N, C-alpha and C. Protein backbone atom coordinates (compact mmCIF):
# COMPACT_ATOMS: atom_id res chain seq x y z
N MET A 1 -1.34 0.30 12.51
CA MET A 1 -1.68 -0.38 13.74
C MET A 1 -2.63 -1.53 13.42
N ILE A 2 -2.56 -2.54 14.25
CA ILE A 2 -3.44 -3.70 14.11
C ILE A 2 -4.30 -3.77 15.36
N HIS A 3 -5.61 -3.93 15.16
CA HIS A 3 -6.56 -3.94 16.25
C HIS A 3 -7.25 -5.29 16.33
N ASP A 4 -7.59 -5.71 17.53
CA ASP A 4 -8.37 -6.94 17.68
C ASP A 4 -9.84 -6.63 17.42
N ARG A 5 -10.68 -7.62 17.51
CA ARG A 5 -12.11 -7.43 17.21
C ARG A 5 -12.77 -6.44 18.16
N GLY A 6 -12.21 -6.29 19.35
CA GLY A 6 -12.77 -5.35 20.31
C GLY A 6 -12.26 -3.93 20.13
N GLY A 7 -11.34 -3.74 19.19
CA GLY A 7 -10.81 -2.41 18.91
C GLY A 7 -9.51 -2.07 19.61
N ALA A 8 -9.01 -2.96 20.46
CA ALA A 8 -7.74 -2.70 21.16
C ALA A 8 -6.57 -2.90 20.21
N THR A 9 -5.58 -2.03 20.29
CA THR A 9 -4.39 -2.16 19.46
C THR A 9 -3.53 -3.29 20.01
N THR A 10 -3.20 -4.24 19.15
CA THR A 10 -2.41 -5.41 19.56
C THR A 10 -1.06 -5.48 18.86
N ALA A 11 -0.84 -4.64 17.86
CA ALA A 11 0.44 -4.66 17.14
C ALA A 11 0.55 -3.39 16.29
N ALA A 12 1.78 -3.13 15.90
CA ALA A 12 2.08 -2.05 14.96
C ALA A 12 3.08 -2.60 13.96
N TYR A 13 3.12 -2.01 12.78
CA TYR A 13 4.06 -2.50 11.77
C TYR A 13 4.56 -1.37 10.91
N TRP A 14 5.74 -1.62 10.34
CA TRP A 14 6.37 -0.70 9.40
C TRP A 14 6.95 -1.52 8.28
N MET A 15 6.82 -1.01 7.05
CA MET A 15 7.40 -1.67 5.89
C MET A 15 8.44 -0.71 5.32
N HIS A 16 9.64 -1.21 5.06
CA HIS A 16 10.74 -0.39 4.55
C HIS A 16 11.31 -1.02 3.29
N TRP A 17 11.46 -0.19 2.25
CA TRP A 17 12.13 -0.67 1.04
C TRP A 17 12.64 0.52 0.24
N THR A 18 13.56 0.21 -0.63
CA THR A 18 14.07 1.20 -1.58
C THR A 18 13.50 0.81 -2.93
N GLU A 19 12.66 1.66 -3.48
CA GLU A 19 11.87 1.31 -4.65
C GLU A 19 12.69 0.74 -5.80
N VAL A 20 13.77 1.39 -6.15
CA VAL A 20 14.54 0.92 -7.31
C VAL A 20 15.38 -0.31 -7.00
N HIS A 21 15.45 -0.71 -5.72
CA HIS A 21 16.25 -1.86 -5.33
C HIS A 21 15.45 -3.00 -4.72
N ILE A 22 14.13 -2.93 -4.79
CA ILE A 22 13.32 -3.94 -4.13
C ILE A 22 13.57 -5.34 -4.70
N ASP A 23 13.88 -5.43 -5.99
CA ASP A 23 14.17 -6.74 -6.57
C ASP A 23 15.49 -7.30 -6.05
N GLU A 24 16.39 -6.44 -5.63
CA GLU A 24 17.69 -6.88 -5.14
C GLU A 24 17.68 -7.19 -3.66
N THR A 25 17.13 -6.28 -2.88
CA THR A 25 17.23 -6.41 -1.43
C THR A 25 15.92 -6.79 -0.74
N GLY A 26 14.82 -6.74 -1.45
CA GLY A 26 13.53 -7.03 -0.84
C GLY A 26 13.04 -5.86 -0.01
N ALA A 27 12.06 -6.12 0.82
CA ALA A 27 11.49 -5.11 1.70
C ALA A 27 11.41 -5.70 3.10
N ASN A 28 11.66 -4.86 4.10
CA ASN A 28 11.59 -5.30 5.48
C ASN A 28 10.23 -4.97 6.07
N LEU A 29 9.65 -5.94 6.76
CA LEU A 29 8.41 -5.75 7.50
C LEU A 29 8.74 -5.96 8.97
N ASP A 30 8.63 -4.90 9.75
CA ASP A 30 8.90 -4.95 11.18
C ASP A 30 7.59 -4.90 11.94
N LEU A 31 7.41 -5.84 12.85
CA LEU A 31 6.20 -5.93 13.68
C LEU A 31 6.57 -5.70 15.14
N ILE A 32 5.75 -4.94 15.82
CA ILE A 32 5.84 -4.81 17.28
C ILE A 32 4.54 -5.40 17.82
N LEU A 33 4.64 -6.50 18.54
CA LEU A 33 3.48 -7.21 19.05
C LEU A 33 3.32 -6.99 20.54
N GLY A 34 2.08 -6.90 20.96
CA GLY A 34 1.77 -6.71 22.38
C GLY A 34 0.83 -5.53 22.56
N PRO A 35 0.41 -5.29 23.77
CA PRO A 35 -0.57 -4.24 24.03
C PRO A 35 0.00 -2.83 23.88
N TRP A 36 -0.87 -1.90 23.47
CA TRP A 36 -0.55 -0.49 23.32
C TRP A 36 -1.59 0.31 24.11
N GLY A 37 -1.25 1.49 24.46
CA GLY A 37 -2.20 2.37 25.13
C GLY A 37 -1.74 2.74 26.52
N ASP A 38 -2.67 3.36 27.25
CA ASP A 38 -2.37 3.78 28.62
C ASP A 38 -1.89 2.58 29.45
N ASP A 39 -0.95 2.85 30.32
CA ASP A 39 -0.42 1.84 31.23
C ASP A 39 0.32 0.70 30.53
N THR A 40 0.80 0.92 29.31
CA THR A 40 1.64 -0.06 28.63
C THR A 40 2.94 0.63 28.22
N GLY A 41 3.94 -0.16 27.99
CA GLY A 41 5.22 0.39 27.57
C GLY A 41 6.03 -0.65 26.84
N PRO A 42 7.26 -0.32 26.50
CA PRO A 42 8.11 -1.25 25.75
C PRO A 42 8.26 -2.63 26.40
N SER A 43 8.23 -2.70 27.71
CA SER A 43 8.39 -4.01 28.37
C SER A 43 7.20 -4.93 28.13
N ASP A 44 6.10 -4.39 27.63
CA ASP A 44 4.91 -5.20 27.32
C ASP A 44 4.94 -5.73 25.88
N ARG A 45 5.92 -5.29 25.10
CA ARG A 45 5.91 -5.61 23.67
C ARG A 45 7.22 -6.24 23.22
N TYR A 46 7.16 -6.94 22.08
CA TYR A 46 8.34 -7.56 21.49
C TYR A 46 8.32 -7.35 19.98
N ALA A 47 9.52 -7.39 19.40
CA ALA A 47 9.68 -7.11 17.97
C ALA A 47 9.96 -8.39 17.20
N VAL A 48 9.34 -8.48 16.02
CA VAL A 48 9.57 -9.56 15.07
C VAL A 48 9.86 -8.90 13.73
N ALA A 49 10.85 -9.41 13.02
CA ALA A 49 11.22 -8.84 11.72
C ALA A 49 11.10 -9.89 10.63
N LEU A 50 10.62 -9.44 9.47
CA LEU A 50 10.51 -10.32 8.30
C LEU A 50 11.08 -9.60 7.09
N ILE A 51 11.44 -10.38 6.09
CA ILE A 51 11.84 -9.79 4.82
C ILE A 51 10.91 -10.32 3.74
N HIS A 52 10.46 -9.41 2.90
CA HIS A 52 9.55 -9.71 1.78
C HIS A 52 10.38 -9.80 0.50
N ARG A 53 10.11 -10.79 -0.28
CA ARG A 53 10.71 -10.90 -1.62
C ARG A 53 9.63 -11.34 -2.59
N GLN A 54 9.73 -10.88 -3.82
CA GLN A 54 8.82 -11.33 -4.87
C GLN A 54 9.39 -12.61 -5.48
N GLN A 55 8.56 -13.64 -5.58
CA GLN A 55 8.97 -14.87 -6.23
C GLN A 55 8.90 -14.69 -7.74
N ALA A 56 9.50 -15.60 -8.46
CA ALA A 56 9.55 -15.51 -9.92
C ALA A 56 8.15 -15.45 -10.53
N ASN A 57 7.15 -16.08 -9.89
CA ASN A 57 5.79 -16.06 -10.42
C ASN A 57 5.00 -14.82 -9.98
N GLY A 58 5.67 -13.91 -9.25
CA GLY A 58 5.03 -12.65 -8.85
C GLY A 58 4.36 -12.66 -7.50
N THR A 59 4.27 -13.81 -6.85
CA THR A 59 3.65 -13.86 -5.53
C THR A 59 4.68 -13.49 -4.46
N PRO A 60 4.21 -12.92 -3.37
CA PRO A 60 5.14 -12.53 -2.31
C PRO A 60 5.58 -13.73 -1.47
N ALA A 61 6.78 -13.64 -0.94
CA ALA A 61 7.29 -14.63 0.00
C ALA A 61 7.86 -13.87 1.19
N LEU A 62 7.59 -14.37 2.36
CA LEU A 62 8.08 -13.74 3.59
C LEU A 62 8.97 -14.71 4.34
N MET A 63 10.03 -14.17 4.95
CA MET A 63 10.92 -14.97 5.76
C MET A 63 11.19 -14.21 7.05
N VAL A 64 11.06 -14.89 8.17
CA VAL A 64 11.38 -14.28 9.46
C VAL A 64 12.90 -14.16 9.55
N ILE A 65 13.37 -13.00 10.01
CA ILE A 65 14.79 -12.75 10.22
C ILE A 65 14.98 -12.28 11.66
N ASP A 66 16.22 -12.17 12.09
CA ASP A 66 16.50 -11.68 13.45
C ASP A 66 16.11 -10.21 13.57
N ALA A 67 15.26 -9.91 14.53
CA ALA A 67 14.85 -8.52 14.76
C ALA A 67 15.97 -7.70 15.39
N HIS A 68 16.95 -8.37 15.99
CA HIS A 68 18.09 -7.67 16.61
C HIS A 68 18.85 -6.82 15.61
N ASP A 69 18.78 -7.17 14.34
CA ASP A 69 19.52 -6.45 13.30
C ASP A 69 18.74 -5.27 12.72
N ARG A 70 17.56 -5.02 13.21
CA ARG A 70 16.70 -3.97 12.68
C ARG A 70 16.61 -2.81 13.68
N SER A 71 16.22 -1.64 13.18
CA SER A 71 16.13 -0.46 14.05
C SER A 71 15.06 -0.61 15.13
N ILE A 72 14.10 -1.50 14.95
CA ILE A 72 13.07 -1.72 15.97
C ILE A 72 13.64 -2.35 17.23
N ALA A 73 14.88 -2.79 17.17
CA ALA A 73 15.52 -3.42 18.33
C ALA A 73 16.13 -2.41 19.29
N ASP A 74 15.89 -1.12 19.07
CA ASP A 74 16.54 -0.11 19.92
C ASP A 74 15.88 0.04 21.29
N GLY A 75 14.80 -0.68 21.56
CA GLY A 75 14.15 -0.65 22.87
C GLY A 75 13.13 0.45 23.07
N THR A 76 12.97 1.33 22.09
CA THR A 76 12.04 2.44 22.23
C THR A 76 10.59 1.97 22.27
N LEU A 77 10.23 1.05 21.39
CA LEU A 77 8.84 0.58 21.31
C LEU A 77 8.64 -0.81 21.88
N ALA A 78 9.69 -1.62 21.85
CA ALA A 78 9.63 -2.99 22.37
C ALA A 78 10.95 -3.30 23.07
N SER A 79 10.87 -3.85 24.25
CA SER A 79 12.10 -4.13 24.98
C SER A 79 12.76 -5.43 24.54
N THR A 80 12.04 -6.28 23.83
CA THR A 80 12.57 -7.55 23.39
C THR A 80 12.51 -7.64 21.87
N ALA A 81 13.65 -7.98 21.27
CA ALA A 81 13.72 -8.22 19.82
C ALA A 81 13.99 -9.71 19.63
N LEU A 82 13.10 -10.38 18.95
CA LEU A 82 13.19 -11.83 18.82
C LEU A 82 14.11 -12.25 17.69
N HIS A 83 14.79 -13.36 17.93
CA HIS A 83 15.58 -14.01 16.88
C HIS A 83 14.64 -14.85 16.02
N ARG A 84 15.08 -15.17 14.84
CA ARG A 84 14.31 -16.03 13.93
C ARG A 84 13.90 -17.32 14.65
N ASN A 85 14.83 -17.92 15.38
CA ASN A 85 14.56 -19.20 16.06
C ASN A 85 13.54 -19.06 17.18
N ASP A 86 13.29 -17.84 17.67
CA ASP A 86 12.27 -17.62 18.68
C ASP A 86 10.86 -17.68 18.09
N VAL A 87 10.78 -17.60 16.76
CA VAL A 87 9.49 -17.53 16.07
C VAL A 87 9.20 -18.81 15.30
N ILE A 88 10.11 -19.20 14.43
CA ILE A 88 9.89 -20.34 13.54
C ILE A 88 9.69 -21.62 14.36
N GLY A 89 8.64 -22.37 14.00
CA GLY A 89 8.35 -23.62 14.67
C GLY A 89 7.67 -23.47 16.02
N THR A 90 7.19 -22.25 16.33
CA THR A 90 6.49 -22.01 17.59
C THR A 90 5.06 -21.56 17.29
N PRO A 91 4.19 -21.56 18.28
CA PRO A 91 2.83 -21.04 18.07
C PRO A 91 2.84 -19.57 17.63
N LEU A 92 3.87 -18.82 18.00
CA LEU A 92 3.97 -17.43 17.59
C LEU A 92 4.04 -17.29 16.08
N ALA A 93 4.67 -18.25 15.40
CA ALA A 93 4.79 -18.19 13.95
C ALA A 93 3.42 -18.11 13.28
N GLU A 94 2.48 -18.89 13.76
CA GLU A 94 1.12 -18.87 13.20
C GLU A 94 0.50 -17.48 13.35
N GLN A 95 0.68 -16.86 14.51
CA GLN A 95 0.14 -15.52 14.75
C GLN A 95 0.83 -14.50 13.84
N VAL A 96 2.14 -14.58 13.72
CA VAL A 96 2.89 -13.63 12.89
C VAL A 96 2.45 -13.73 11.44
N PHE A 97 2.34 -14.93 10.92
CA PHE A 97 1.95 -15.06 9.52
C PHE A 97 0.47 -14.72 9.29
N ALA A 98 -0.38 -14.93 10.28
CA ALA A 98 -1.78 -14.48 10.16
C ALA A 98 -1.83 -12.95 10.10
N LEU A 99 -1.02 -12.29 10.92
CA LEU A 99 -0.96 -10.82 10.89
C LEU A 99 -0.42 -10.32 9.56
N THR A 100 0.63 -10.95 9.06
CA THR A 100 1.19 -10.48 7.78
C THR A 100 0.21 -10.73 6.64
N ASP A 101 -0.52 -11.83 6.68
CA ASP A 101 -1.56 -12.06 5.66
C ASP A 101 -2.59 -10.93 5.70
N ALA A 102 -3.02 -10.56 6.90
CA ALA A 102 -4.01 -9.47 7.03
C ALA A 102 -3.44 -8.15 6.52
N ILE A 103 -2.18 -7.89 6.80
CA ILE A 103 -1.55 -6.66 6.30
C ILE A 103 -1.56 -6.64 4.78
N TYR A 104 -1.14 -7.73 4.17
CA TYR A 104 -1.10 -7.79 2.70
C TYR A 104 -2.49 -7.67 2.09
N GLU A 105 -3.49 -8.25 2.74
CA GLU A 105 -4.85 -8.21 2.20
C GLU A 105 -5.54 -6.87 2.41
N GLN A 106 -5.23 -6.18 3.50
CA GLN A 106 -6.02 -5.00 3.86
C GLN A 106 -5.31 -3.66 3.69
N ASP A 107 -3.98 -3.67 3.61
CA ASP A 107 -3.25 -2.40 3.49
C ASP A 107 -2.76 -2.24 2.05
N ASP A 108 -3.49 -1.48 1.28
CA ASP A 108 -3.18 -1.37 -0.14
C ASP A 108 -1.99 -0.44 -0.44
N ARG A 109 -1.33 0.07 0.59
CA ARG A 109 -0.13 0.88 0.37
C ARG A 109 1.05 0.02 -0.06
N PHE A 110 0.97 -1.26 0.21
CA PHE A 110 2.09 -2.15 -0.07
C PHE A 110 1.77 -3.06 -1.24
N PHE A 111 2.59 -3.01 -2.22
CA PHE A 111 2.61 -3.93 -3.35
C PHE A 111 1.24 -4.09 -3.94
């Protein structure tokens, strides 16, 4: 879960990969953005999906992909699954990449 400075949950994320195939297929990072807690539900949240790949120099690269193709698009946690074009080139892109930077810096379970 991702919390704002006041402690409210503002997003959740899941990272999926197959260890022996990460070089081939990469890893999926699924984000659910929006408020969580009492009096909130899927209609308050939306899904964004990214794919992680390791570059030749060993640094990570992320690319936004269509969330409709991911299991997070089933409507259980977020009623809206965004397409790549809904994110790239919009103010949301800055927020998404700031969140992914924080995940990579603070969650040592990944890479």
